[in-house]
Protein backbone atom coordinates (compact mmCIF):
# COMPACT_ATOMS: atom_id res chain seq x y z
CA UNK A 1 4.81 14.29 28.16
CA UNK A 2 7.85 12.28 27.28
CA UNK A 3 7.08 9.20 25.70
CA UNK A 4 10.24 7.61 27.53
CA UNK A 5 9.10 8.55 30.86
CA UNK A 6 6.07 6.73 30.20
CA UNK A 7 7.57 3.79 28.58
CA UNK A 8 10.10 3.96 31.90
CA UNK A 9 6.86 4.36 34.64
CA UNK A 10 4.81 1.44 32.46
CA UNK A 11 8.24 -0.88 32.71
CA UNK A 12 8.40 -0.15 36.54
CA UNK A 13 4.93 -0.75 37.41
CA UNK A 14 4.76 -4.30 35.54
CA UNK A 15 7.56 -5.24 37.51
CA UNK A 16 5.52 -4.86 40.88
CA UNK A 17 2.00 -5.33 39.79
CA UNK A 18 1.45 -7.03 43.21
CA UNK A 19 2.32 -4.29 45.61
CA UNK A 20 1.97 -0.55 45.58
CA UNK A 21 4.64 1.65 44.24
CA UNK A 22 5.05 5.24 46.24
CA UNK A 23 5.16 8.56 43.98
CA UNK A 24 8.51 9.23 46.15
CA UNK A 25 9.99 5.80 45.16
CA UNK A 26 9.00 6.06 41.61
CA UNK A 27 10.48 9.72 41.40
CA UNK A 28 13.65 8.46 43.26
CA UNK A 29 14.19 5.40 40.42
CA UNK A 30 13.63 7.40 37.53
CA UNK A 31 14.89 10.55 38.35
CA UNK A 32 11.96 13.02 38.05
CA UNK A 33 9.53 15.01 40.11
CA UNK A 34 6.45 14.00 42.12
CA UNK A 35 4.85 16.23 39.61
CA UNK A 36 6.33 14.64 36.66
CA UNK A 37 5.21 11.23 38.15
CA UNK A 38 1.55 12.35 38.62
CA UNK A 39 1.51 13.61 34.70
CA UNK A 40 3.22 10.26 33.68
CA UNK A 41 0.26 8.11 35.47
CA UNK A 42 -2.33 10.68 34.20
CA UNK A 43 -0.91 10.19 30.55
CA UNK A 44 -0.77 6.25 30.67
CA UNK A 45 -4.61 6.19 31.81
CA UNK A 46 -5.39 8.31 28.54
CA UNK A 47 -3.80 5.29 26.93
CA UNK A 48 -5.84 3.05 28.38
CA UNK A 49 -4.19 1.57 31.25
CA UNK A 50 -5.76 1.45 34.61
CA UNK A 51 -3.93 2.25 37.47
CA UNK A 52 -5.08 1.78 41.14
CA UNK A 53 -3.75 4.71 43.23
CA UNK A 54 -4.27 4.81 46.99
CA UNK A 55 -3.43 7.78 49.59
CA UNK A 56 -0.40 6.71 51.51
CA UNK A 57 0.76 3.61 49.79
CA UNK A 58 1.19 4.69 45.82
CA UNK A 59 0.06 3.37 42.15
CA UNK A 60 -0.39 -0.16 41.42
CA UNK A 61 -1.11 -1.51 37.78
CA UNK A 62 -3.80 -3.25 37.08
CA UNK A 63 -4.01 -3.56 33.27
CA UNK A 64 -1.91 -2.01 30.63
CA UNK A 65 -5.38 -2.39 28.19
CA UNK A 66 -4.48 -3.34 24.61
CA UNK A 67 -1.71 -0.65 24.34
CA UNK A 68 1.55 -2.35 22.68
CA UNK A 69 4.70 -1.27 24.71
CA UNK A 70 8.17 -3.19 24.96
CA UNK A 71 7.55 -3.99 28.91
CA UNK A 72 4.20 -5.86 28.13
CA UNK A 73 6.12 -7.95 25.36
CA UNK A 74 8.36 -8.64 26.88
CA UNK A 75 6.36 -10.03 29.45
CA UNK A 76 5.04 -12.45 27.36
CA UNK A 77 8.51 -13.37 25.50
CA UNK A 78 10.52 -16.35 25.37
CA UNK A 79 13.86 -15.94 27.06
CA UNK A 80 15.56 -16.95 23.97
CA UNK A 81 14.51 -13.69 22.64
CA UNK A 82 16.16 -11.71 25.26
CA UNK A 83 18.43 -10.32 22.93
CA UNK A 84 15.76 -8.82 21.07
CA UNK A 85 15.83 -4.93 21.26
CA UNK A 86 12.35 -3.35 21.19
CA UNK A 87 11.71 0.00 20.07
CA UNK A 88 7.97 0.98 20.16
CA UNK A 89 7.01 4.54 18.48
CA UNK A 90 3.30 5.99 18.41
CA UNK A 91 3.63 6.58 14.60
CA UNK A 92 5.68 6.12 12.04
CA UNK A 93 5.99 6.80 8.16
CA UNK A 94 7.29 2.96 7.68
CA UNK A 95 8.84 0.41 10.17
CA UNK A 96 10.40 -0.90 7.52
CA UNK A 97 11.85 1.93 6.49
CA UNK A 98 13.60 3.21 10.02
CA UNK A 99 14.59 -0.68 10.41
CA UNK A 100 17.05 0.28 7.25
CA UNK A 101 17.85 3.87 8.78
CA UNK A 102 19.13 1.87 12.15
CA UNK A 103 20.74 -0.99 10.15
CA UNK A 104 22.83 1.47 8.08
CA UNK A 105 23.91 2.94 11.64
CA UNK A 106 25.04 -0.47 12.64
CA UNK A 107 22.19 -1.62 14.76
CA UNK A 108 22.21 -5.51 15.34
CA UNK A 109 20.52 -8.27 14.27
CA UNK A 110 17.19 -8.73 16.89
CA UNK A 111 16.57 -4.72 16.87
CA UNK A 112 12.62 -4.91 16.31
CA UNK A 113 10.57 -1.47 15.36
CA UNK A 114 7.30 -1.58 15.97
CA UNK A 115 4.70 1.52 15.55
CA UNK A 116 0.84 1.76 16.81
CA UNK A 117 0.26 3.33 13.14
CA UNK A 118 2.04 4.26 10.23
CA UNK A 119 1.42 6.83 7.56
CA UNK A 120 3.03 5.23 4.89
CA UNK A 121 2.98 1.41 5.75
CA UNK A 122 4.69 -0.69 2.43
CA UNK A 123 3.03 -4.05 1.26
CA UNK A 124 4.21 -6.31 -1.51
CA UNK A 125 4.28 -4.77 -5.57
CA UNK A 126 4.84 -1.08 -4.14
CA UNK A 127 0.88 -1.34 -2.58
CA UNK A 128 0.22 1.03 0.53
CA UNK A 129 -0.28 -1.60 3.92
CA UNK A 130 -3.28 -0.09 5.47
CA UNK A 131 -2.29 1.05 9.17
CA UNK A 132 -4.91 2.65 11.28
CA UNK A 133 -3.73 3.14 15.14
CA UNK A 134 -4.59 1.31 17.81
CA UNK A 135 -5.70 -1.84 16.07
CA UNK A 136 -3.09 -3.23 14.28
CA UNK A 137 0.35 -4.84 14.89
CA UNK A 138 3.42 -3.08 12.26
CA UNK A 139 6.66 -4.19 13.12
CA UNK A 140 9.80 -4.86 11.29
CA UNK A 141 12.88 -7.04 12.36
CA UNK A 142 16.46 -6.21 11.18
CA UNK A 143 18.42 -9.81 10.76
CA UNK A 144 21.86 -10.08 9.60
CA UNK A 145 21.72 -13.88 7.97
CA UNK A 146 24.82 -15.55 6.74
CA UNK A 147 23.06 -16.53 3.64
CA UNK A 148 22.99 -15.86 -0.12
CA UNK A 149 20.20 -13.46 -1.85
CA UNK A 150 18.61 -16.43 -3.48
CA UNK A 151 17.96 -18.16 0.05
CA UNK A 152 16.56 -15.05 1.42
CA UNK A 153 12.75 -16.65 0.43
CA UNK A 154 13.12 -18.78 3.29
CA UNK A 155 12.90 -15.89 5.81
CA UNK A 156 9.46 -14.60 4.18
CA UNK A 157 7.93 -18.02 4.38
CA UNK A 158 9.84 -18.95 7.84
CA UNK A 159 7.70 -15.40 9.07
CA UNK A 160 4.40 -16.68 7.46
CA UNK A 161 4.44 -19.79 9.46
CA UNK A 162 5.70 -18.17 12.90
CA UNK A 163 3.04 -15.66 12.32
CA UNK A 164 0.36 -18.33 11.32
CA UNK A 165 1.15 -20.37 13.82
CA UNK A 166 1.27 -17.76 16.84
CA UNK A 167 -2.46 -16.85 15.74
CA UNK A 168 -3.42 -20.06 16.10
CA UNK A 169 -1.85 -20.84 19.30
CA UNK A 170 -3.44 -17.37 20.95
CA UNK A 171 -7.20 -17.96 19.19
CA UNK A 172 -7.38 -21.61 18.89
CA UNK A 173 -8.56 -21.61 15.13
CA UNK A 174 -6.89 -22.84 12.12
CA UNK A 175 -5.34 -19.87 9.61
CA UNK A 176 -3.72 -20.51 6.32
CA UNK A 177 -1.17 -19.11 4.16
CA UNK A 178 -1.68 -17.66 0.18
CA UNK A 179 1.48 -18.16 -1.28
CA UNK A 180 4.17 -16.60 -0.73
CA UNK A 181 3.51 -14.23 2.24
CA UNK A 182 0.07 -13.49 2.95
CA UNK A 183 -1.62 -15.09 6.20
CA UNK A 184 -5.69 -15.78 6.24
CA UNK A 185 -8.11 -16.36 8.82
CA UNK A 186 -11.66 -17.37 8.51
CA UNK A 187 -11.51 -16.83 4.80
CA UNK A 188 -9.69 -13.26 4.83
CA UNK A 189 -6.45 -11.32 4.84
CA UNK A 190 -5.20 -10.64 8.19
CA UNK A 191 -1.70 -10.38 7.70
CA UNK A 192 1.09 -9.14 4.85
CA UNK A 193 4.92 -9.66 5.26
CA UNK A 194 7.27 -7.59 3.14
CA UNK A 195 11.28 -8.52 3.03
CA UNK A 196 13.86 -6.26 1.92
CA UNK A 197 17.30 -6.28 1.92
CA UNK A 198 20.86 -4.89 1.05
CA UNK A 199 23.11 -6.55 -0.76
CA UNK A 200 27.33 -6.72 -0.42
CA UNK A 201 29.01 -5.56 -3.40
CA UNK A 202 31.70 -8.00 -2.80
CA UNK A 203 30.07 -11.58 -2.84
CA UNK A 204 26.53 -10.91 -3.57
CA UNK A 205 25.69 -12.35 0.36
CA UNK A 206 22.94 -9.98 2.32
CA UNK A 207 24.71 -6.96 4.20
CA UNK A 208 21.23 -7.37 6.07
CA UNK A 209 17.63 -8.29 5.80
CA UNK A 210 14.52 -6.13 7.01
CA UNK A 211 11.58 -8.36 7.87
CA UNK A 212 8.14 -6.36 7.67
CA UNK A 213 5.08 -7.51 9.32
CA UNK A 214 1.91 -6.26 9.29
CA UNK A 215 -1.34 -7.79 11.27
CA UNK A 216 -4.66 -6.29 11.91
CA UNK A 217 -4.94 -7.44 14.89
CA UNK A 218 -8.58 -6.05 15.86
CA UNK A 219 -11.02 -5.02 13.67
CA UNK A 220 -11.02 -1.15 13.37
CA UNK A 221 -14.26 0.52 14.72
CA UNK A 222 -16.26 0.75 11.93
CA UNK A 223 -14.72 -1.61 9.80
CA UNK A 224 -11.87 -1.63 7.23
CA UNK A 225 -12.44 0.52 4.49
CA UNK A 226 -15.04 -0.16 1.62
CA UNK A 227 -11.92 -0.89 -0.83
CA UNK A 228 -10.75 -3.45 1.53
CA UNK A 229 -13.68 -4.99 3.43
CA UNK A 230 -14.16 -7.74 1.10
CA UNK A 231 -10.47 -8.96 1.33
CA UNK A 232 -9.31 -7.65 4.39
CA UNK A 233 -10.30 -9.54 8.24
CA UNK A 234 -8.65 -9.45 11.82
CA UNK A 235 -7.75 -11.64 14.33
CA UNK A 236 -10.11 -10.19 16.83
CA UNK A 237 -13.30 -8.62 16.40
CA UNK A 238 -13.57 -4.73 17.25
CA UNK A 239 -15.31 -5.57 20.26
CA UNK A 240 -12.58 -8.15 21.44
CA UNK A 241 -12.38 -7.01 25.62
CA UNK A 242 -8.53 -9.72 25.71
CA UNK A 243 -6.08 -7.51 27.64
CA UNK A 244 -2.51 -7.24 26.27
CA UNK A 245 -3.50 -9.10 23.26
CA UNK A 246 -1.30 -7.40 20.69
CA UNK A 247 1.46 -7.61 23.17
CA UNK A 248 0.81 -11.35 23.38
CA UNK A 249 0.81 -11.81 19.66
CA UNK A 250 3.90 -10.04 18.94
CA UNK A 251 5.90 -12.08 21.48
CA UNK A 252 4.18 -14.89 20.54
CA UNK A 253 4.99 -14.19 16.71
CA UNK A 254 8.87 -13.27 17.68
CA UNK A 255 9.47 -16.34 19.83
CA UNK A 256 8.13 -18.41 17.25
CA UNK A 257 9.96 -16.90 14.13
CA UNK A 258 13.34 -16.68 15.88
CA UNK A 259 13.03 -20.63 16.74
CA UNK A 260 12.68 -21.03 13.05
CA UNK A 261 15.47 -18.88 12.12
CA UNK A 262 17.71 -20.52 14.20
CA UNK A 263 17.43 -23.38 11.89
CA UNK A 264 16.90 -22.07 8.72
CA UNK A 265 19.00 -24.08 7.11
CA UNK A 266 17.17 -27.23 8.30
CA UNK A 267 13.64 -25.56 7.26
CA UNK A 268 11.91 -26.40 10.18
CA UNK A 269 9.60 -24.27 9.55
CA UNK A 270 8.72 -26.06 6.14
CA UNK A 271 5.96 -28.48 7.31
CA UNK A 272 4.00 -25.59 9.14
CA UNK A 273 4.22 -23.42 5.97
CA UNK A 274 3.25 -26.50 3.61
CA UNK A 275 0.22 -27.72 5.39
CA UNK A 276 -0.99 -24.44 5.34
CA UNK A 277 -1.21 -23.64 1.55
CA UNK A 278 -4.48 -21.65 0.64
CA UNK A 279 -3.58 -22.36 -3.02
CA UNK A 280 -3.60 -26.14 -3.59
CA UNK A 281 -6.00 -27.04 -6.53
CA UNK A 282 -7.23 -23.24 -6.81
CA UNK A 283 -7.46 -21.57 -10.22
CA UNK A 284 -4.87 -18.71 -10.24
CA UNK A 285 -3.54 -16.13 -12.22
CA UNK A 286 0.36 -16.06 -12.48
CA UNK A 287 1.04 -12.07 -12.85
CA UNK A 288 4.37 -11.02 -14.05
CA UNK A 289 4.75 -7.37 -14.70
CA UNK A 290 2.24 -7.03 -17.52
CA UNK A 291 1.69 -10.77 -18.56
CA UNK A 292 -1.31 -12.68 -16.62
CA UNK A 293 -1.54 -16.85 -17.42
CA UNK A 294 -4.25 -18.76 -15.95
CA UNK A 295 -3.13 -21.98 -13.93
CA UNK A 296 -3.89 -24.33 -11.40
CA UNK A 297 -1.60 -24.08 -7.76
CA UNK A 298 -0.28 -27.38 -7.04
CA UNK A 299 2.37 -28.22 -3.87
CA UNK A 300 4.80 -26.11 -2.30
CA UNK A 301 8.27 -28.08 -2.71
CA UNK A 302 11.16 -27.84 0.03
CA UNK A 303 12.40 -24.48 -1.65
CA UNK A 304 9.19 -22.92 -0.85
CA UNK A 305 8.59 -22.81 -4.52
CA UNK A 306 4.91 -22.77 -6.08
CA UNK A 307 3.86 -25.64 -8.84
CA UNK A 308 1.21 -24.33 -11.20
CA UNK A 309 -0.33 -25.94 -14.27
CA UNK A 310 -0.74 -23.79 -17.11
CA UNK A 311 -4.07 -24.15 -19.60
CA UNK A 312 -1.56 -25.56 -21.87
CA UNK A 313 -0.84 -28.33 -19.90
CA UNK A 314 3.22 -27.00 -19.18
CA UNK A 315 4.17 -26.71 -15.51
CA UNK A 316 6.63 -24.51 -13.81
CA UNK A 317 7.93 -23.99 -10.09
CA UNK A 318 7.69 -20.61 -9.69
CA UNK A 319 9.80 -18.48 -6.85
CA UNK A 320 8.55 -15.09 -7.36
CA UNK A 321 5.87 -13.09 -8.97
CA UNK A 322 2.75 -12.35 -8.00
CA UNK A 323 -0.51 -14.81 -7.59
CA UNK A 324 -4.07 -14.33 -7.35
CA UNK A 325 -6.94 -16.48 -7.13
CA UNK A 326 -10.07 -16.17 -9.63
CA UNK A 327 -12.34 -13.90 -8.07
CA UNK A 328 -15.22 -16.19 -8.09
CA UNK A 329 -13.32 -18.59 -5.73
CA UNK A 330 -13.26 -15.92 -3.02
CA UNK A 331 -9.07 -14.70 -2.36
CA UNK A 332 -7.16 -12.32 -4.41
């Protein structure tokens, strides 16, 4: 079954959830045969959609389940994000790599690549990001900001604030941010963010940035792999029955991120980001290459740098590198 046909059919049904569309009407609007309509209906049902069919009336969408699809995201997306070009794939090696390829081809800002699963998802420090199908949100946003490479940290921190804001709005809970780019809920990591960019050779400005966001939306069946169980969590439990939860969360993240992004110079995200700091007062290790220095984490300044105080009493404001919390305090 052609993926595009399923998406077009689902979008059509979502536009008329209060009425039935006959098989003939669907076939004419999509330019396909009645037999192809029937096959697409069956394919959507296998994907978890509930479609009610009545002889003589046609088909009506009751629920799209928790399947990620562009039409489902647009239902909850702010009108101010109508420019977003949502591209949803069943599986990709890496959404960041696909977004980079699209950027090189001239794709515009606001192109959003989303996959149901990844086979080679990327995290920070060249780590692999666990990306099972049917439970997570793996998306990359193409941006073409008029900023220097030094200011690109603002994209990552604005995204972390946007994800945390969106999770709170959808769950009613209070999430936290581990500097610089991890979002935690109920003491466990539920989101990682990786921003990659291409430099302009002439002036050193960003030609484009790829903002990669990976969210453990629903706990995988059987839980997380053994090596991740102590650190990884999910926004919703495995037995959650919230329809469209992933489409809703994607829309909430995009809506909030682009609101912050439009005012990046004003740093309107800063208050949310600073207030959620998970590290304040914690014993941490500052990791740079093969060097590890114990320290106490302090405040986050208006440049999103983290203050650390080392064992010898010296202080530093750091804007890059890896910071881990001592394992006795429960975070990594």
